[in-house]
Amino acid sequence: MTERKLNAALYFLLAAAVLLYLGFNVFNVRQVFALPEQRIAKEDDIKEDSNLPENVLKEDVSSIELEVSMLETRDISPVGYHLYVDLDLTQLYVYKDGEVIKTYEVSGGKPSTPSPEGTWRIVNKDTWGEGFGGAWLGFNVPWGMYGIHGTTEPWFVGRSNTSKGCIRMKNADVRELFKLIPYNTLVTIVQNNKTFYPMQDGDAGSNVLEVEKALKILGYYNGSEDGIFGETLMNAVKQFQRDYGLYRTGIVNISTYELLRQKVKEVEE
């Protein structure tokens, strides 16, 4: 073979290699810049391929599951209706047989008059008029009258907690809920982001109820769990403070409250 023919053959091979390289990269670029629908279709094809391991694309699926994990971890009754009020999100979730069927915007108690946290039952229903939106669903809270009702200030609903402790809804929403929810339905109210206020004789509320339960677990309190701060609870607080080297004021300030929670946690563990 002459030198000229040899050079021509080498050029031909080099050109073929370049074309193969460019073709391979163009294919990859098309995959990277493919439309979302095209990429999804490819992933669906992978899922249907029985020859691939079962954990293919498992990471993508788990990331979707994390978005609904909050709802799945709530302590919700698996039978019947259950209302779950999240005052941090200003949302009310209606559960039926353990599944969310409706969601409403709400507004709860302002910091100085908080809503009653905990799980209660609807023990009263009425069609109250002005100021209540034509519907009232009352709870069995021992220290006061609390419930769900409408409002003349709907602009706060779903935005901020401004009530005196009740759960406010838009009037059309509460009338719909009134027709849907029967007596004795469970209502769970939660709020994590809230202001702490010291508790003393004469106060009432969810925090007082929590203190009563904590001191009962620790063996300091044997009175009723009614959420009302009375003399018996005050004496129990003083005894607890004395035993743990705190000032015996009978007032549950932040240091007493945090120590109470810590000691209860130790007992439960």
C-alpha atoms as a PDB file:
ATOM      1  CA  MET A   1       0.000   0.000   0.000  1.00  0.00           C
ATOM      2  CA  THR A   2       1.389   3.396  -0.937  1.00  0.00           C
ATOM      3  CA  GLU A   3       1.916   6.094   1.616  1.00  0.00           C
ATOM      4  CA  ARG A   4      -0.921   8.158   0.132  1.00  0.00           C
ATOM      5  CA  LYS A   5      -3.399   5.276   0.483  1.00  0.00           C
ATOM      6  CA  LEU A   6      -2.278   4.619   4.064  1.00  0.00           C
ATOM      7  CA  ASN A   7      -2.840   8.243   5.046  1.00  0.00           C
ATOM      8  CA  ALA A   8      -6.296   8.200   3.456  1.00  0.00           C
ATOM      9  CA  ALA A   9      -7.262   5.081   5.426  1.00  0.00           C
ATOM     10  CA  LEU A  10      -6.083   6.647   8.694  1.00  0.00           C
ATOM     11  CA  TYR A  11      -8.062   9.821   7.979  1.00  0.00           C
ATOM     12  CA  PHE A  12     -11.159   7.714   7.284  1.00  0.00           C
ATOM     13  CA  LEU A  13     -10.827   5.822  10.578  1.00  0.00           C
ATOM     14  CA  LEU A  14     -10.270   9.053  12.501  1.00  0.00           C
ATOM     15  CA  ALA A  15     -13.340  10.649  10.926  1.00  0.00           C
ATOM     16  CA  ALA A  16     -15.473   7.589  11.784  1.00  0.00           C
ATOM     17  CA  ALA A  17     -14.310   7.709  15.430  1.00  0.00           C
ATOM     18  CA  VAL A  18     -15.173  11.414  15.685  1.00  0.00           C
ATOM     19  CA  LEU A  19     -18.658  10.812  14.266  1.00  0.00           C
ATOM     20  CA  LEU A  20     -19.313   7.985  16.741  1.00  0.00           C
ATOM     21  CA  TYR A  21     -18.159  10.144  19.651  1.00  0.00           C
ATOM     22  CA  LEU A  22     -20.372  13.079  18.624  1.00  0.00           C
ATOM     23  CA  GLY A  23     -23.367  10.824  18.133  1.00  0.00           C
ATOM     24  CA  PHE A  24     -23.021   9.306  21.604  1.00  0.00           C
ATOM     25  CA  ASN A  25     -22.813  12.733  23.281  1.00  0.00           C
ATOM     26  CA  VAL A  26     -25.743  14.159  21.335  1.00  0.00           C
ATOM     27  CA  PHE A  27     -27.820  11.221  22.635  1.00  0.00           C
ATOM     28  CA  ASN A  28     -26.833  12.044  26.224  1.00  0.00           C
ATOM     29  CA  VAL A  29     -27.534  15.756  25.774  1.00  0.00           C
ATOM     30  CA  ARG A  30     -31.015  14.935  24.488  1.00  0.00           C
ATOM     31  CA  GLN A  31     -31.618  12.866  27.626  1.00  0.00           C
ATOM     32  CA  VAL A  32     -30.453  15.663  29.926  1.00  0.00           C
ATOM     33  CA  PHE A  33     -32.555  18.312  28.210  1.00  0.00           C
ATOM     34  CA  ALA A  34     -35.569  16.117  27.574  1.00  0.00           C
ATOM     35  CA  LEU A  35     -38.972  17.427  28.570  1.00  0.00           C
ATOM     36  CA  PRO A  36     -40.183  16.404  32.064  1.00  0.00           C
ATOM     37  CA  GLU A  37     -42.862  14.190  30.554  1.00  0.00           C
ATOM     38  CA  GLN A  38     -40.204  12.333  28.556  1.00  0.00           C
ATOM     39  CA  ARG A  39     -38.013  11.780  31.623  1.00  0.00           C
ATOM     40  CA  ILE A  40     -40.992  10.550  33.663  1.00  0.00           C
ATOM     41  CA  ALA A  41     -41.853   8.111  30.937  1.00  0.00           C
ATOM     42  CA  LYS A  42     -38.328   6.731  31.068  1.00  0.00           C
ATOM     43  CA  GLU A  43     -38.545   6.293  34.851  1.00  0.00           C
ATOM     44  CA  ASP A  44     -41.898   4.525  34.485  1.00  0.00           C
ATOM     45  CA  ASP A  45     -40.295   2.156  31.995  1.00  0.00           C
ATOM     46  CA  ILE A  46     -37.596   1.337  34.555  1.00  0.00           C
ATOM     47  CA  LYS A  47     -40.207   0.578  37.230  1.00  0.00           C
ATOM     48  CA  GLU A  48     -41.903  -1.908  34.931  1.00  0.00           C
ATOM     49  CA  ASP A  49     -38.643  -3.730  34.135  1.00  0.00           C
ATOM     50  CA  SER A  50     -38.791  -6.912  36.230  1.00  0.00           C
ATOM     51  CA  ASN A  51     -35.098  -7.586  35.673  1.00  0.00           C
ATOM     52  CA  LEU A  52     -34.010  -4.573  37.762  1.00  0.00           C
ATOM     53  CA  PRO A  53     -33.594  -4.622  41.584  1.00  0.00           C
ATOM     54  CA  GLU A  54     -36.665  -3.723  43.639  1.00  0.00           C
ATOM     55  CA  ASN A  55     -34.985  -0.670  45.185  1.00  0.00           C
ATOM     56  CA  VAL A  56     -34.565   1.219  41.895  1.00  0.00           C
ATOM     57  CA  LEU A  57     -35.896   4.805  42.316  1.00  0.00           C
ATOM     58  CA  LYS A  58     -36.633   4.116  45.985  1.00  0.00           C
ATOM     59  CA  GLU A  59     -35.107   7.444  47.007  1.00  0.00           C
ATOM     60  CA  ASP A  60     -37.546   9.413  44.845  1.00  0.00           C
ATOM     61  CA  VAL A  61     -40.533   7.560  46.292  1.00  0.00           C
ATOM     62  CA  SER A  62     -39.433   8.096  49.904  1.00  0.00           C
ATOM     63  CA  SER A  63     -39.088  11.842  49.346  1.00  0.00           C
ATOM     64  CA  ILE A  64     -42.748  11.943  48.341  1.00  0.00           C
ATOM     65  CA  GLU A  65     -43.760   9.926  51.386  1.00  0.00           C
ATOM     66  CA  LEU A  66     -42.001  12.379  53.720  1.00  0.00           C
ATOM     67  CA  GLU A  67     -44.387  15.146  52.643  1.00  0.00           C
ATOM     68  CA  VAL A  68     -47.369  13.326  54.158  1.00  0.00           C
ATOM     69  CA  SER A  69     -45.605  11.772  57.147  1.00  0.00           C
ATOM     70  CA  MET A  70     -46.932  14.460  59.524  1.00  0.00           C
ATOM     71  CA  LEU A  71     -50.518  13.413  58.896  1.00  0.00           C
ATOM     72  CA  GLU A  72     -49.681   9.738  59.300  1.00  0.00           C
ATOM     73  CA  THR A  73     -48.043  10.200  62.729  1.00  0.00           C
ATOM     74  CA  ARG A  74     -50.975  12.010  64.362  1.00  0.00           C
ATOM     75  CA  ASP A  75     -52.862  10.141  67.053  1.00  0.00           C
ATOM     76  CA  ILE A  76     -56.145   9.955  65.146  1.00  0.00           C
ATOM     77  CA  SER A  77     -59.077   7.667  65.885  1.00  0.00           C
ATOM     78  CA  PRO A  78     -59.310   4.966  63.188  1.00  0.00           C
ATOM     79  CA  VAL A  79     -63.104   4.833  63.511  1.00  0.00           C
ATOM     80  CA  GLY A  80     -65.590   7.661  62.998  1.00  0.00           C
ATOM     81  CA  TYR A  81     -64.928  11.398  62.806  1.00  0.00           C
ATOM     82  CA  HIS A  82     -61.986  13.157  64.453  1.00  0.00           C
ATOM     83  CA  LEU A  83     -61.144  16.864  64.174  1.00  0.00           C
ATOM     84  CA  TYR A  84     -57.470  17.853  64.355  1.00  0.00           C
ATOM     85  CA  VAL A  85     -56.776  21.570  64.871  1.00  0.00           C
ATOM     86  CA  ASP A  86     -53.214  22.760  64.221  1.00  0.00           C
ATOM     87  CA  LEU A  87     -52.992  26.353  65.454  1.00  0.00           C
ATOM     88  CA  ASP A  88     -49.424  26.767  64.215  1.00  0.00           C
ATOM     89  CA  LEU A  89     -50.750  26.231  60.688  1.00  0.00           C
ATOM     90  CA  THR A  90     -54.223  27.698  61.482  1.00  0.00           C
ATOM     91  CA  GLN A  91     -55.783  24.640  59.852  1.00  0.00           C
ATOM     92  CA  LEU A  92     -58.522  22.202  60.867  1.00  0.00           C
ATOM     93  CA  TYR A  93     -58.380  18.683  59.412  1.00  0.00           C
ATOM     94  CA  VAL A  94     -61.506  16.537  59.317  1.00  0.00           C
ATOM     95  CA  TYR A  95     -60.715  12.831  59.595  1.00  0.00           C
ATOM     96  CA  LYS A  96     -63.174  10.029  58.917  1.00  0.00           C
ATOM     97  CA  ASP A  97     -62.096   6.467  59.700  1.00  0.00           C
ATOM     98  CA  GLY A  98     -58.484   7.656  59.884  1.00  0.00           C
ATOM     99  CA  GLU A  99     -58.439   9.495  56.536  1.00  0.00           C
ATOM    100  CA  VAL A 100     -58.508  13.257  55.883  1.00  0.00           C
ATOM    101  CA  ILE A 101     -61.671  14.160  54.013  1.00  0.00           C
ATOM    102  CA  LYS A 102     -61.756  17.961  54.445  1.00  0.00           C
ATOM    103  CA  THR A 103     -59.506  20.856  55.483  1.00  0.00           C
ATOM    104  CA  TYR A 104     -60.606  24.269  56.745  1.00  0.00           C
ATOM    105  CA  GLU A 105     -58.833  27.471  57.725  1.00  0.00           C
ATOM    106  CA  VAL A 106     -59.252  28.515  61.374  1.00  0.00           C
ATOM    107  CA  SER A 107     -58.143  31.053  63.968  1.00  0.00           C
ATOM    108  CA  GLY A 108     -57.467  30.131  67.606  1.00  0.00           C
ATOM    109  CA  GLY A 109     -56.827  31.932  70.872  1.00  0.00           C
ATOM    110  CA  LYS A 110     -54.361  34.798  71.127  1.00  0.00           C
ATOM    111  CA  PRO A 111     -51.348  34.383  73.487  1.00  0.00           C
ATOM    112  CA  SER A 112     -53.084  35.934  76.511  1.00  0.00           C
ATOM    113  CA  THR A 113     -56.204  33.763  76.034  1.00  0.00           C
ATOM    114  CA  PRO A 114     -54.970  30.506  74.451  1.00  0.00           C
ATOM    115  CA  SER A 115     -57.168  27.745  73.110  1.00  0.00           C
ATOM    116  CA  PRO A 116     -57.482  24.575  75.212  1.00  0.00           C
ATOM    117  CA  GLU A 117     -54.845  22.152  73.967  1.00  0.00           C
ATOM    118  CA  GLY A 118     -55.505  18.464  74.248  1.00  0.00           C
ATOM    119  CA  THR A 119     -58.208  16.081  73.060  1.00  0.00           C
ATOM    120  CA  TRP A 120     -61.841  16.854  73.863  1.00  0.00           C
ATOM    121  CA  ARG A 121     -65.312  15.828  72.731  1.00  0.00           C
ATOM    122  CA  ILE A 122     -68.108  17.814  71.142  1.00  0.00           C
ATOM    123  CA  VAL A 123     -70.822  17.741  73.793  1.00  0.00           C
ATOM    124  CA  ASN A 124     -72.977  20.644  72.635  1.00  0.00           C
ATOM    125  CA  LYS A 125     -74.310  21.815  69.280  1.00  0.00           C
ATOM    126  CA  ASP A 126     -76.435  24.886  68.665  1.00  0.00           C
ATOM    127  CA  THR A 127     -77.355  27.352  65.922  1.00  0.00           C
ATOM    128  CA  TRP A 128     -76.291  30.525  67.686  1.00  0.00           C
ATOM    129  CA  GLY A 129     -76.730  33.665  65.656  1.00  0.00           C
ATOM    130  CA  GLU A 130     -74.872  36.974  65.567  1.00  0.00           C
ATOM    131  CA  GLY A 131     -71.167  36.663  66.254  1.00  0.00           C
ATOM    132  CA  PHE A 132     -71.161  32.861  65.943  1.00  0.00           C
ATOM    133  CA  GLY A 133     -71.996  32.412  62.262  1.00  0.00           C
ATOM    134  CA  GLY A 134     -75.102  30.351  62.936  1.00  0.00           C
ATOM    135  CA  ALA A 135     -73.240  27.347  64.377  1.00  0.00           C
ATOM    136  CA  TRP A 136     -71.658  26.325  67.681  1.00  0.00           C
ATOM    137  CA  LEU A 137     -69.866  23.060  68.529  1.00  0.00           C
ATOM    138  CA  GLY A 138     -68.948  23.084  72.218  1.00  0.00           C
ATOM    139  CA  PHE A 139     -66.178  21.058  73.934  1.00  0.00           C
ATOM    140  CA  ASN A 140     -66.149  19.344  77.328  1.00  0.00           C
ATOM    141  CA  VAL A 141     -63.371  21.585  78.700  1.00  0.00           C
ATOM    142  CA  PRO A 142     -63.684  21.676  82.513  1.00  0.00           C
ATOM    143  CA  TRP A 143     -62.376  25.212  83.161  1.00  0.00           C
ATOM    144  CA  GLY A 144     -64.488  27.203  80.719  1.00  0.00           C
ATOM    145  CA  MET A 145     -66.736  27.369  77.654  1.00  0.00           C
ATOM    146  CA  TYR A 146     -64.824  26.665  74.463  1.00  0.00           C
ATOM    147  CA  GLY A 147     -65.908  25.492  71.054  1.00  0.00           C
ATOM    148  CA  ILE A 148     -65.913  26.006  67.297  1.00  0.00           C
ATOM    149  CA  HIS A 149     -68.009  28.791  65.792  1.00  0.00           C
ATOM    150  CA  GLY A 150     -68.166  31.417  63.053  1.00  0.00           C
ATOM    151  CA  THR A 151     -66.948  34.991  63.266  1.00  0.00           C
ATOM    152  CA  THR A 152     -67.636  38.588  62.297  1.00  0.00           C
ATOM    153  CA  GLU A 153     -63.891  38.983  61.595  1.00  0.00           C
ATOM    154  CA  PRO A 154     -63.220  36.433  58.820  1.00  0.00           C
ATOM    155  CA  TRP A 155     -60.055  38.223  57.678  1.00  0.00           C
ATOM    156  CA  PHE A 156     -58.149  36.705  60.626  1.00  0.00           C
ATOM    157  CA  VAL A 157     -59.172  33.135  59.784  1.00  0.00           C
ATOM    158  CA  GLY A 158     -56.267  31.172  58.342  1.00  0.00           C
ATOM    159  CA  ARG A 159     -53.872  34.041  59.108  1.00  0.00           C
ATOM    160  CA  SER A 160     -53.454  34.542  62.864  1.00  0.00           C
ATOM    161  CA  ASN A 161     -54.792  33.442  66.257  1.00  0.00           C
ATOM    162  CA  THR A 162     -56.821  36.302  67.728  1.00  0.00           C
ATOM    163  CA  SER A 163     -59.790  34.790  69.591  1.00  0.00           C
ATOM    164  CA  LYS A 164     -60.460  34.517  73.326  1.00  0.00           C
ATOM    165  CA  GLY A 165     -59.787  30.788  73.134  1.00  0.00           C
ATOM    166  CA  CYS A 166     -62.438  29.387  70.820  1.00  0.00           C
ATOM    167  CA  ILE A 167     -61.752  28.075  67.330  1.00  0.00           C
ATOM    168  CA  ARG A 168     -63.120  30.493  64.762  1.00  0.00           C
ATOM    169  CA  MET A 169     -64.033  29.556  61.202  1.00  0.00           C
ATOM    170  CA  LYS A 170     -65.567  31.329  58.233  1.00  0.00           C
ATOM    171  CA  ASN A 171     -69.338  31.272  58.609  1.00  0.00           C
ATOM    172  CA  ALA A 172     -70.039  29.163  55.515  1.00  0.00           C
ATOM    173  CA  ASP A 173     -67.378  26.652  56.602  1.00  0.00           C
ATOM    174  CA  VAL A 174     -68.622  26.261  60.169  1.00  0.00           C
ATOM    175  CA  ARG A 175     -72.206  25.725  58.997  1.00  0.00           C
ATOM    176  CA  GLU A 176     -70.969  22.981  56.684  1.00  0.00           C
ATOM    177  CA  LEU A 177     -68.965  21.425  59.543  1.00  0.00           C
ATOM    178  CA  PHE A 178     -71.987  21.686  61.857  1.00  0.00           C
ATOM    179  CA  LYS A 179     -74.060  19.510  59.526  1.00  0.00           C
ATOM    180  CA  LEU A 180     -71.248  16.998  59.032  1.00  0.00           C
ATOM    181  CA  ILE A 181     -69.966  16.385  62.568  1.00  0.00           C
ATOM    182  CA  PRO A 182     -72.040  14.432  65.159  1.00  0.00           C
ATOM    183  CA  TYR A 183     -72.075  14.665  68.947  1.00  0.00           C
ATOM    184  CA  ASN A 184     -69.140  13.087  70.829  1.00  0.00           C
ATOM    185  CA  THR A 185     -66.731  13.671  67.949  1.00  0.00           C
ATOM    186  CA  LEU A 186     -63.124  13.890  69.190  1.00  0.00           C
ATOM    187  CA  VAL A 187     -61.358  17.250  68.782  1.00  0.00           C
ATOM    188  CA  THR A 188     -57.571  17.464  69.183  1.00  0.00           C
ATOM    189  CA  ILE A 189     -56.038  20.948  69.480  1.00  0.00           C
ATOM    190  CA  VAL A 190     -52.263  21.427  69.244  1.00  0.00           C
ATOM    191  CA  GLN A 191     -49.996  24.471  69.263  1.00  0.00           C
ATOM    192  CA  ASN A 192     -46.218  24.253  69.603  1.00  0.00           C
ATOM    193  CA  ASN A 193     -45.217  27.846  68.876  1.00  0.00           C
ATOM    194  CA  LYS A 194     -46.711  29.763  71.790  1.00  0.00           C
ATOM    195  CA  THR A 195     -45.749  32.234  74.489  1.00  0.00           C
ATOM    196  CA  PHE A 196     -45.142  30.913  78.007  1.00  0.00           C
ATOM    197  CA  TYR A 197     -46.912  32.678  80.871  1.00  0.00           C
ATOM    198  CA  PRO A 198     -46.179  31.948  84.567  1.00  0.00           C
ATOM    199  CA  MET A 199     -49.028  30.129  86.332  1.00  0.00           C
ATOM    200  CA  GLN A 200     -50.317  30.871  89.810  1.00  0.00           C
ATOM    201  CA  ASP A 201     -53.326  30.518  92.084  1.00  0.00           C
ATOM    202  CA  GLY A 202     -56.494  31.520  90.229  1.00  0.00           C
ATOM    203  CA  ASP A 203     -55.252  30.747  86.712  1.00  0.00           C
ATOM    204  CA  ALA A 204     -56.843  28.173  84.402  1.00  0.00           C
ATOM    205  CA  GLY A 205     -55.944  26.558  81.126  1.00  0.00           C
ATOM    206  CA  SER A 206     -54.143  23.782  79.272  1.00  0.00           C
ATOM    207  CA  ASN A 207     -50.778  24.572  80.875  1.00  0.00           C
ATOM    208  CA  VAL A 208     -52.307  24.332  84.353  1.00  0.00           C
ATOM    209  CA  LEU A 209     -53.773  20.951  83.413  1.00  0.00           C
ATOM    210  CA  GLU A 210     -50.330  19.850  82.225  1.00  0.00           C
ATOM    211  CA  VAL A 211     -48.814  20.907  85.585  1.00  0.00           C
ATOM    212  CA  GLU A 212     -51.503  18.990  87.484  1.00  0.00           C
ATOM    213  CA  LYS A 213     -50.800  15.829  85.505  1.00  0.00           C
ATOM    214  CA  ALA A 214     -47.029  16.226  85.874  1.00  0.00           C
ATOM    215  CA  LEU A 215     -47.160  16.693  89.647  1.00  0.00           C
ATOM    216  CA  LYS A 216     -49.536  13.743  89.944  1.00  0.00           C
ATOM    217  CA  ILE A 217     -47.085  11.522  88.037  1.00  0.00           C
ATOM    218  CA  LEU A 218     -44.311  12.678  90.379  1.00  0.00           C
ATOM    219  CA  GLY A 219     -46.433  12.021  93.470  1.00  0.00           C
ATOM    220  CA  TYR A 220     -46.884  15.620  94.623  1.00  0.00           C
ATOM    221  CA  TYR A 221     -50.502  16.226  93.661  1.00  0.00           C
ATOM    222  CA  ASN A 222     -53.635  14.189  94.369  1.00  0.00           C
ATOM    223  CA  GLY A 223     -56.343  16.672  93.431  1.00  0.00           C
ATOM    224  CA  SER A 224     -58.604  16.754  90.398  1.00  0.00           C
ATOM    225  CA  GLU A 225     -57.248  17.318  86.909  1.00  0.00           C
ATOM    226  CA  ASP A 226     -59.491  20.224  85.958  1.00  0.00           C
ATOM    227  CA  GLY A 227     -57.022  22.820  84.642  1.00  0.00           C
ATOM    228  CA  ILE A 228     -57.828  25.213  87.506  1.00  0.00           C
ATOM    229  CA  PHE A 229     -54.957  26.462  89.680  1.00  0.00           C
ATOM    230  CA  GLY A 230     -56.153  26.237  93.295  1.00  0.00           C
ATOM    231  CA  GLU A 231     -54.655  26.000  96.761  1.00  0.00           C
ATOM    232  CA  THR A 232     -54.016  22.243  96.572  1.00  0.00           C
ATOM    233  CA  LEU A 233     -51.995  22.663  93.391  1.00  0.00           C
ATOM    234  CA  MET A 234     -50.126  25.651  94.824  1.00  0.00           C
ATOM    235  CA  ASN A 235     -49.026  23.610  97.845  1.00  0.00           C
ATOM    236  CA  ALA A 236     -47.900  20.791  95.557  1.00  0.00           C
ATOM    237  CA  VAL A 237     -45.842  23.256  93.514  1.00  0.00           C
ATOM    238  CA  LYS A 238     -44.209  24.619  96.694  1.00  0.00           C
ATOM    239  CA  GLN A 239     -43.300  21.106  97.828  1.00  0.00           C
ATOM    240  CA  PHE A 240     -41.772  20.315  94.434  1.00  0.00           C
ATOM    241  CA  GLN A 241     -39.813  23.572  94.452  1.00  0.00           C
ATOM    242  CA  ARG A 242     -38.484  22.903  97.959  1.00  0.00           C
ATOM    243  CA  ASP A 243     -37.329  19.378  97.082  1.00  0.00           C
ATOM    244  CA  TYR A 244     -35.412  20.586  94.035  1.00  0.00           C
ATOM    245  CA  GLY A 245     -33.835  23.710  95.526  1.00  0.00           C
ATOM    246  CA  LEU A 246     -36.088  26.295  93.870  1.00  0.00           C
ATOM    247  CA  TYR A 247     -37.668  29.326  95.520  1.00  0.00           C
ATOM    248  CA  ARG A 248     -40.916  28.210  97.244  1.00  0.00           C
ATOM    249  CA  THR A 249     -43.220  30.726  95.559  1.00  0.00           C
ATOM    250  CA  GLY A 250     -46.021  28.353  94.527  1.00  0.00           C
ATOM    251  CA  ILE A 251     -45.817  30.034  91.115  1.00  0.00           C
ATOM    252  CA  VAL A 252     -44.902  27.935  88.102  1.00  0.00           C
ATOM    253  CA  ASN A 253     -42.333  30.078  86.320  1.00  0.00           C
ATOM    254  CA  ILE A 254     -40.295  28.908  83.359  1.00  0.00           C
ATOM    255  CA  SER A 255     -37.577  27.248  85.469  1.00  0.00           C
ATOM    256  CA  THR A 256     -40.137  25.300  87.527  1.00  0.00           C
ATOM    257  CA  TYR A 257     -42.064  24.348  84.398  1.00  0.00           C
ATOM    258  CA  GLU A 258     -39.005  23.080  82.531  1.00  0.00           C
ATOM    259  CA  LEU A 259     -37.783  21.103  85.562  1.00  0.00           C
ATOM    260  CA  LEU A 260     -41.239  19.528  85.904  1.00  0.00           C
ATOM    261  CA  ARG A 261     -41.190  18.386  82.300  1.00  0.00           C
ATOM    262  CA  GLN A 262     -37.673  17.047  82.680  1.00  0.00           C
ATOM    263  CA  LYS A 263     -38.546  14.991  85.764  1.00  0.00           C
ATOM    264  CA  VAL A 264     -41.666  13.571  84.138  1.00  0.00           C
ATOM    265  CA  LYS A 265     -39.629  12.592  81.096  1.00  0.00           C
ATOM    266  CA  GLU A 266     -37.135  10.788  83.340  1.00  0.00           C
ATOM    267  CA  VAL A 267     -39.938   8.872  85.020  1.00  0.00           C
ATOM    268  CA  GLU A 268     -41.554   7.899  81.723  1.00  0.00           C
ATOM    269  CA  GLU A 269     -38.239   6.726  80.295  1.00  0.00           C
END
